[in-house]
Amino acid sequence: MAASRDSNTQSFAPLKNDLILRAARGERTERVPVWIMRQAGRYLPEYWEAKGDTAFFDTCKNPQLVCELTVQPLRRFNLDAAIIFSDILVIPIAMGLTVANNPGEGPVYADPVTCPEDLRRLTADFDIVDKLGYVYEAITLTRKELDGKVPLFGFTGAPWTLMKFMIENVTAGPNPNKARKFLVQHPEASRQLLGMIKDVIVRHLVHQIKAGAQIVQVFDSLAGELGPILFSKFELPILRQIAKEVKDSLRGMNLEPVPMVVFAKDAHYAIEDLSKSGYEVVGLDWCTEPLHARKLAGSVTLQGNLDPVMMYASKDEIKSAVKEMLRKFGTQHYIANLGHGMLKDMNPENVGVFVDAVHTYSEDMNASS
């Protein structure tokens, strides 16, 4: 039975499978652990059965439903972690923006940020339990439902990615320069907004961990658009602050920090910097060459990075791709995942092939090493 190293104020069952936590901390694992971004969601028929016609953000605010959606993939697949069903966009809502539509159905916010004066409409100093307590309640409920089977991920969007959504309403259509234009035309207002978002993120992650999250991931899904200059100037310092402040806050509460993952999609130029930014794990998208990433990242644990499109391939092709991925990454200091998330029309059976292949091939590689 795995030793408990929880940083929360709840009482939970002992953890039976701590592979991901050990891999994140750089400890030796007998096989490669695996989970999948968006593993809970639209590709599963049971998701639609459970959700019904409940609106997306209303779903996120229903702890019992969130718990059900979070554990559904664990009933099908031999995954090594669960990730709480939620959304990165709950933070801008809590800060004061008004929802216009569900994600994917046009503009998300009715009142996006358009100028520096709009920051006056936002606040980072709100009662976070009042605004986001449904997330923490769902985490505690899900942790109890998991009964120690696997660790539970909490997560958040990163400051730049959230800022871009707050300015551009990304799902309304591509407009990649609007938020970047804001950065260069209003650098001080941009730093103010990023700082406000950062303060909320830190509190949000700390509360998730207190509620029962055993590992957390920061999704910088739109990081690649910044490029190396703007990323280093605006986002990298904020990402470092998040890692430090979360851990300092937990230590200040006499709680042990949990492993933290940073996933900066398309920010291949920043792998070396991210590996030194205070996170235990650096997530990689599918456009990153594993051997190159290993050279840049040193001893930091890497996560990724099978091309998600392989979930449309044949079962034999999936197995072959997994074998090649493991050959390049190796079986230690590594967490297997896709290079981004599952899509709604992907075949659930192929997820099982992917997960089982990671376990089988990595166990064989360890046995022969």
Protein backbone atom coordinates (compact mmCIF):
# COMPACT_ATOMS: atom_id res chain seq x y z
CA MET A 1 0.00 0.00 0.00
CA ALA A 2 1.33 3.41 -0.93
CA ALA A 3 2.38 5.76 1.82
CA SER A 4 0.17 8.81 2.29
CA ARG A 5 1.73 12.19 1.49
CA ASP A 6 -1.47 14.19 1.26
CA SER A 7 -1.50 17.98 1.55
CA ASN A 8 -5.12 18.52 2.49
CA THR A 9 -7.34 18.94 5.49
CA GLN A 10 -9.62 15.99 4.69
CA SER A 11 -9.51 12.34 5.70
CA PHE A 12 -9.31 9.94 2.77
CA ALA A 13 -8.63 6.28 2.08
CA PRO A 14 -4.97 5.25 1.65
CA LEU A 15 -3.71 5.51 -1.91
CA LYS A 16 -3.35 2.17 -3.68
CA ASN A 17 -1.66 3.39 -6.88
CA ASP A 18 0.87 6.21 -6.49
CA LEU A 19 2.73 5.68 -9.79
CA ILE A 20 2.05 9.19 -11.10
CA LEU A 21 3.08 10.85 -7.86
CA ARG A 22 6.32 8.88 -7.76
CA ALA A 23 7.06 9.60 -11.40
CA ALA A 24 6.37 13.29 -10.84
CA ARG A 25 8.80 13.36 -7.93
CA GLY A 26 11.46 11.64 -10.01
CA GLU A 27 11.27 8.36 -8.11
CA ARG A 28 11.59 5.00 -9.84
CA THR A 29 8.42 3.38 -11.15
CA GLU A 30 7.87 -0.24 -12.17
CA ARG A 31 5.90 0.90 -15.22
CA VAL A 32 5.10 4.20 -16.90
CA PRO A 33 1.97 5.83 -15.47
CA VAL A 34 -0.58 7.18 -17.91
CA TRP A 35 -3.53 9.53 -17.91
CA ILE A 36 -5.14 11.57 -20.70
CA MET A 37 -6.06 15.22 -20.97
CA ARG A 38 -9.85 15.50 -21.37
CA GLN A 39 -10.18 11.84 -20.38
CA ALA A 40 -13.51 12.71 -18.77
CA GLY A 41 -15.88 14.09 -21.32
CA ARG A 42 -17.66 14.14 -24.64
CA TYR A 43 -16.16 11.06 -26.33
CA LEU A 44 -17.82 8.80 -23.75
CA PRO A 45 -21.48 7.90 -24.31
CA GLU A 46 -21.98 7.70 -20.55
CA TYR A 47 -20.95 11.36 -20.31
CA TRP A 48 -23.93 12.39 -22.39
CA GLU A 49 -26.23 10.04 -20.49
CA ALA A 50 -25.19 11.55 -17.17
CA LYS A 51 -25.06 15.18 -18.33
CA GLY A 52 -28.26 15.18 -20.36
CA ASP A 53 -29.22 18.69 -21.44
CA THR A 54 -27.55 20.44 -18.49
CA ALA A 55 -25.63 23.49 -19.70
CA PHE A 56 -21.86 23.19 -19.53
CA PHE A 57 -21.11 25.68 -16.75
CA ASP A 58 -24.11 24.42 -14.79
CA THR A 59 -22.57 20.96 -15.08
CA CYS A 60 -19.30 22.29 -13.65
CA LYS A 61 -21.23 23.73 -10.71
CA ASN A 62 -22.90 20.42 -9.79
CA PRO A 63 -20.47 18.53 -7.49
CA GLN A 64 -22.38 15.23 -7.68
CA LEU A 65 -22.46 15.32 -11.48
CA VAL A 66 -18.82 16.40 -11.65
CA CYS A 67 -17.87 13.45 -9.45
CA GLU A 68 -19.72 11.05 -11.75
CA LEU A 69 -18.12 12.46 -14.89
CA THR A 70 -14.66 12.39 -13.32
CA VAL A 71 -14.77 8.72 -12.35
CA GLN A 72 -16.41 7.45 -15.55
CA PRO A 73 -13.09 6.88 -17.41
CA LEU A 74 -11.72 4.94 -14.43
CA ARG A 75 -14.52 2.42 -14.83
CA ARG A 76 -13.49 1.76 -18.43
CA PHE A 77 -9.72 2.10 -18.45
CA ASN A 78 -6.75 1.20 -16.26
CA LEU A 79 -5.70 4.83 -15.90
CA ASP A 80 -3.24 5.92 -13.23
CA ALA A 81 -4.99 9.16 -12.33
CA ALA A 82 -8.32 10.94 -12.43
CA ILE A 83 -8.65 14.64 -13.28
CA ILE A 84 -11.51 16.64 -11.86
CA PHE A 85 -14.11 17.59 -14.47
CA SER A 86 -14.11 21.38 -14.62
CA ASP A 87 -13.01 24.16 -16.96
CA ILE A 88 -10.25 26.75 -17.05
CA LEU A 89 -12.81 29.50 -17.77
CA VAL A 90 -14.45 29.42 -14.34
CA ILE A 91 -11.78 31.85 -13.11
CA PRO A 92 -12.73 34.79 -15.38
CA ILE A 93 -16.36 34.24 -14.38
CA ALA A 94 -15.40 34.44 -10.71
CA MET A 95 -13.41 37.61 -11.44
CA GLY A 96 -16.48 39.35 -12.83
CA LEU A 97 -17.03 38.50 -16.51
CA THR A 98 -20.52 37.44 -17.57
CA VAL A 99 -21.16 34.19 -19.43
CA ALA A 100 -22.72 34.60 -22.87
CA ASN A 101 -22.56 31.01 -24.15
CA ASN A 102 -21.17 27.62 -23.38
CA PRO A 103 -17.65 27.02 -24.74
CA GLY A 104 -17.79 26.12 -28.43
CA GLU A 105 -21.10 27.90 -28.98
CA GLY A 106 -19.86 31.37 -29.84
CA PRO A 107 -18.49 34.09 -27.52
CA VAL A 108 -17.99 32.76 -24.01
CA TYR A 109 -18.20 36.15 -22.31
CA ALA A 110 -20.79 38.86 -22.92
CA ASP A 111 -18.41 41.56 -21.69
CA PRO A 112 -14.82 40.78 -22.76
CA VAL A 113 -11.89 43.01 -21.81
CA THR A 114 -11.31 45.55 -24.58
CA CYS A 115 -9.21 48.28 -22.95
CA PRO A 116 -7.23 48.94 -19.75
CA GLU A 117 -10.24 50.66 -18.15
CA ASP A 118 -12.13 47.35 -18.26
CA LEU A 119 -9.85 45.99 -15.56
CA ARG A 120 -11.86 48.08 -13.09
CA ARG A 121 -14.74 45.67 -13.65
CA LEU A 122 -12.62 42.76 -12.46
CA THR A 123 -11.52 41.71 -9.01
CA ALA A 124 -9.04 39.14 -7.74
CA ASP A 125 -9.91 39.75 -4.08
CA PHE A 126 -13.19 37.89 -3.88
CA ASP A 127 -14.44 35.18 -1.55
CA ILE A 128 -13.03 32.24 -3.45
CA VAL A 129 -14.97 29.60 -1.55
CA ASP A 130 -18.20 31.48 -2.27
CA LYS A 131 -17.38 31.81 -5.98
CA LEU A 132 -15.55 28.56 -6.69
CA GLY A 133 -16.50 26.36 -3.77
CA TYR A 134 -18.36 24.01 -6.10
CA VAL A 135 -14.96 22.95 -7.50
CA TYR A 136 -13.56 22.17 -4.06
CA GLU A 137 -16.72 20.34 -2.98
CA ALA A 138 -16.51 18.23 -6.13
CA ILE A 139 -12.85 17.42 -5.48
CA THR A 140 -13.55 16.23 -1.94
CA LEU A 141 -16.55 14.20 -3.08
CA THR A 142 -14.59 12.64 -5.95
CA ARG A 143 -11.59 11.87 -3.79
CA LYS A 144 -13.85 9.94 -1.46
CA GLU A 145 -15.55 8.17 -4.36
CA LEU A 146 -12.15 7.09 -5.76
CA ASP A 147 -11.45 5.41 -2.40
CA GLY A 148 -7.69 5.51 -2.94
CA LYS A 149 -7.76 3.83 -6.36
CA VAL A 150 -5.63 6.50 -8.08
CA PRO A 151 -4.53 10.08 -7.40
CA LEU A 152 -6.79 12.99 -8.32
CA PHE A 153 -5.58 15.91 -10.43
CA GLY A 154 -6.71 19.46 -9.88
CA PHE A 155 -6.01 22.07 -12.52
CA THR A 156 -6.22 25.65 -13.70
CA GLY A 157 -5.65 27.68 -16.83
CA ALA A 158 -2.47 29.74 -16.93
CA PRO A 159 -2.58 33.55 -16.79
CA TRP A 160 -1.84 34.20 -20.47
CA THR A 161 -4.31 31.61 -21.72
CA LEU A 162 -7.05 33.04 -19.48
CA MET A 163 -6.15 36.61 -20.46
CA LYS A 164 -6.48 35.67 -24.12
CA PHE A 165 -9.94 34.21 -23.56
CA MET A 166 -10.96 37.28 -21.55
CA ILE A 167 -9.96 39.60 -24.40
CA GLU A 168 -10.69 37.59 -27.53
CA ASN A 169 -13.55 35.22 -26.71
CA VAL A 170 -11.46 32.56 -28.45
CA THR A 171 -14.33 30.23 -29.33
CA ALA A 172 -15.97 32.98 -31.38
CA GLY A 173 -13.29 32.50 -34.03
CA PRO A 174 -9.57 32.92 -34.51
CA ASN A 175 -8.20 36.37 -33.75
CA PRO A 176 -4.65 35.59 -32.63
CA ASN A 177 -3.35 39.14 -32.51
CA LYS A 178 -5.97 40.90 -30.39
CA ALA A 179 -4.59 39.82 -27.02
CA ARG A 180 -0.98 40.07 -28.20
CA LYS A 181 -1.75 43.59 -29.42
CA PHE A 182 -3.05 44.38 -25.93
CA LEU A 183 0.26 43.15 -24.46
CA VAL A 184 2.43 45.46 -26.52
CA GLN A 185 0.10 48.48 -26.52
CA HIS A 186 -0.77 48.28 -22.82
CA PRO A 187 2.16 46.51 -21.09
CA GLU A 188 1.42 47.85 -17.61
CA ALA A 189 -2.28 47.01 -17.83
CA SER A 190 -1.28 43.58 -19.15
CA ARG A 191 0.98 42.98 -16.17
CA GLN A 192 -1.79 44.12 -13.88
CA LEU A 193 -4.29 41.74 -15.46
CA LEU A 194 -1.84 38.82 -15.51
CA GLY A 195 -1.02 39.53 -11.87
CA MET A 196 -4.69 39.57 -10.91
CA ILE A 197 -5.26 36.27 -12.66
CA LYS A 198 -2.14 34.83 -11.02
CA ASP A 199 -3.39 35.75 -7.56
CA VAL A 200 -6.67 33.94 -8.20
CA ILE A 201 -4.88 30.91 -9.66
CA VAL A 202 -2.67 30.55 -6.60
CA ARG A 203 -5.64 30.64 -4.25
CA HIS A 204 -7.62 28.33 -6.52
CA LEU A 205 -4.87 25.70 -6.61
CA VAL A 206 -4.26 25.89 -2.87
CA HIS A 207 -7.97 25.35 -2.18
CA GLN A 208 -8.08 22.44 -4.63
CA ILE A 209 -5.16 20.82 -2.82
CA LYS A 210 -6.73 21.42 0.58
CA ALA A 211 -9.91 19.83 -0.75
CA GLY A 212 -8.10 16.68 -1.84
CA ALA A 213 -6.19 17.20 -5.11
CA GLN A 214 -2.93 15.22 -4.95
CA ILE A 215 -1.29 16.72 -8.05
CA VAL A 216 -2.18 19.81 -10.09
CA GLN A 217 -1.63 20.96 -13.67
CA VAL A 218 -1.41 24.48 -15.06
CA PHE A 219 -2.75 24.54 -18.63
CA ASP A 220 -1.12 27.24 -20.77
CA SER A 221 -2.96 25.98 -23.82
CA LEU A 222 -2.29 29.08 -25.95
CA ALA A 223 1.31 29.72 -24.88
CA GLY A 224 2.76 29.10 -28.33
CA GLU A 225 1.23 32.26 -29.75
CA LEU A 226 3.42 34.42 -27.54
CA GLY A 227 6.73 33.40 -29.06
CA PRO A 228 9.96 33.39 -27.04
CA ILE A 229 10.22 37.16 -26.48
CA LEU A 230 6.73 37.88 -25.19
CA PHE A 231 6.61 34.57 -23.30
CA SER A 232 9.84 35.35 -21.45
CA LYS A 233 8.77 38.92 -20.77
CA PHE A 234 5.21 38.41 -19.60
CA GLU A 235 4.29 34.78 -18.91
CA LEU A 236 7.36 32.88 -17.71
CA PRO A 237 7.88 35.08 -14.61
CA ILE A 238 4.20 34.64 -13.70
CA LEU A 239 4.37 30.85 -14.11
CA ARG A 240 7.37 30.79 -11.79
CA GLN A 241 5.48 32.85 -9.24
CA ILE A 242 2.54 30.46 -9.32
CA ALA A 243 4.72 27.44 -8.52
CA LYS A 244 6.52 29.26 -5.73
CA GLU A 245 3.49 30.91 -4.17
CA VAL A 246 1.38 27.75 -4.17
CA LYS A 247 4.12 25.83 -2.40
CA ASP A 248 4.87 28.67 0.02
CA SER A 249 1.17 29.00 0.86
CA LEU A 250 0.86 25.29 1.61
CA ARG A 251 3.98 25.29 3.76
CA GLY A 252 2.59 28.29 5.61
CA MET A 253 -0.43 26.13 6.45
CA ASN A 254 1.85 23.24 7.53
CA LEU A 255 0.73 21.26 4.49
CA GLU A 256 3.12 19.39 2.22
CA PRO A 257 3.21 20.70 -1.37
CA VAL A 258 2.00 18.35 -4.09
CA PRO A 259 3.66 17.81 -7.48
CA MET A 260 2.87 20.49 -10.04
CA VAL A 261 2.75 20.11 -13.84
CA VAL A 262 3.11 22.95 -16.33
CA PHE A 263 1.79 22.35 -19.85
CA ALA A 264 2.66 25.20 -22.23
CA LYS A 265 1.32 24.03 -25.57
CA ASP A 266 3.47 24.94 -28.61
CA ALA A 267 6.04 26.71 -26.42
CA HIS A 268 8.85 24.46 -27.62
CA TYR A 269 11.26 27.37 -27.30
CA ALA A 270 10.69 27.41 -23.54
CA ILE A 271 11.27 23.77 -22.53
CA GLU A 272 14.58 24.50 -20.84
CA ASP A 273 13.21 27.53 -18.98
CA LEU A 274 10.09 25.66 -17.93
CA SER A 275 12.19 22.80 -16.57
CA LYS A 276 13.75 25.33 -14.18
CA SER A 277 10.56 27.16 -13.27
CA GLY A 278 9.65 25.29 -10.08
CA TYR A 279 7.35 22.61 -11.51
CA GLU A 280 8.09 18.94 -11.00
CA VAL A 281 6.72 17.99 -14.42
CA VAL A 282 6.84 19.65 -17.84
CA GLY A 283 4.07 18.60 -20.22
CA LEU A 284 4.80 18.38 -23.95
CA ASP A 285 2.54 18.66 -26.96
CA TRP A 286 2.83 16.26 -29.89
CA CYS A 287 4.99 18.55 -32.01
CA THR A 288 7.93 18.17 -29.62
CA GLU A 289 10.67 15.65 -30.33
CA PRO A 290 11.10 13.57 -27.12
CA LEU A 291 14.86 13.11 -27.40
CA HIS A 292 15.36 16.85 -27.89
CA ALA A 293 13.08 17.62 -24.95
CA ARG A 294 15.05 15.24 -22.74
CA LYS A 295 18.27 17.09 -23.54
CA LEU A 296 16.72 20.44 -22.71
CA ALA A 297 14.78 19.41 -19.61
CA GLY A 298 17.51 17.54 -17.76
CA SER A 299 16.23 15.44 -14.88
CA VAL A 300 12.76 17.01 -14.68
CA THR A 301 9.94 14.56 -15.30
CA LEU A 302 8.33 14.92 -18.72
CA GLN A 303 4.72 14.25 -19.66
CA GLY A 304 3.22 13.55 -23.09
CA ASN A 305 3.10 13.45 -25.98
CA LEU A 306 1.41 11.05 -28.42
CA ASP A 307 -0.26 12.89 -31.30
CA PRO A 308 -3.99 12.90 -30.40
CA VAL A 309 -4.84 12.09 -34.01
CA MET A 310 -3.46 8.60 -33.35
CA MET A 311 -6.69 7.90 -31.47
CA TYR A 312 -8.23 7.66 -34.96
CA ALA A 313 -5.66 5.10 -36.11
CA SER A 314 -5.89 1.31 -36.04
CA LYS A 315 -5.15 -0.53 -32.81
CA ASP A 316 -1.88 -1.88 -34.19
CA GLU A 317 -0.80 1.60 -35.25
CA ILE A 318 -1.56 2.93 -31.78
CA LYS A 319 0.53 0.18 -30.19
CA SER A 320 3.41 0.85 -32.55
CA ALA A 321 3.28 4.59 -31.84
CA VAL A 322 3.27 3.96 -28.09
CA LYS A 323 6.27 1.66 -28.36
CA GLU A 324 8.21 4.30 -30.29
CA MET A 325 7.22 7.00 -27.80
CA LEU A 326 8.43 4.91 -24.87
CA ARG A 327 11.66 4.08 -26.65
CA LYS A 328 12.43 7.79 -26.98
CA PHE A 329 11.25 8.99 -23.57
CA GLY A 330 12.41 5.99 -21.57
CA THR A 331 10.47 4.54 -18.67
CA GLN A 332 11.65 6.77 -15.81
CA HIS A 333 10.99 10.43 -15.01
CA TYR A 334 8.10 10.09 -17.40
CA ILE A 335 4.29 10.22 -17.43
CA ALA A 336 2.57 9.09 -20.63
CA ASN A 337 -0.22 11.19 -22.09
CA LEU A 338 -1.46 12.53 -25.37
CA GLY A 339 0.07 15.75 -26.68
CA HIS A 340 -3.28 17.42 -26.05
CA GLY A 341 -6.80 16.29 -25.18
CA MET A 342 -9.36 13.80 -26.40
CA LEU A 343 -11.85 14.99 -29.02
CA LYS A 344 -15.57 14.27 -28.92
CA ASP A 345 -15.63 11.88 -31.90
CA MET A 346 -12.76 9.65 -30.77
CA ASN A 347 -13.36 5.94 -30.18
CA PRO A 348 -13.25 4.99 -26.47
CA GLU A 349 -11.90 1.54 -27.36
CA ASN A 350 -8.73 3.16 -28.69
CA VAL A 351 -8.15 4.83 -25.34
CA GLY A 352 -8.02 1.40 -23.76
CA VAL A 353 -5.51 0.25 -26.37
CA PHE A 354 -3.33 3.28 -25.67
CA VAL A 355 -3.42 2.89 -21.88
CA ASP A 356 -2.77 -0.85 -21.91
CA ALA A 357 0.06 -0.48 -24.43
CA VAL A 358 1.83 2.05 -22.20
CA HIS A 359 1.66 -0.32 -19.25
CA THR A 360 2.59 -3.49 -21.14
CA TYR A 361 5.49 -2.11 -23.14
CA SER A 362 6.97 -0.12 -20.27
CA GLU A 363 6.85 -3.15 -17.96
CA ASP A 364 8.63 -5.18 -20.64
CA MET A 365 11.25 -2.47 -21.09
CA ASN A 366 11.89 -2.30 -17.36
CA ALA A 367 12.16 -6.07 -17.13
CA SER A 368 14.78 -6.21 -19.87
CA SER A 369 16.85 -3.26 -18.65
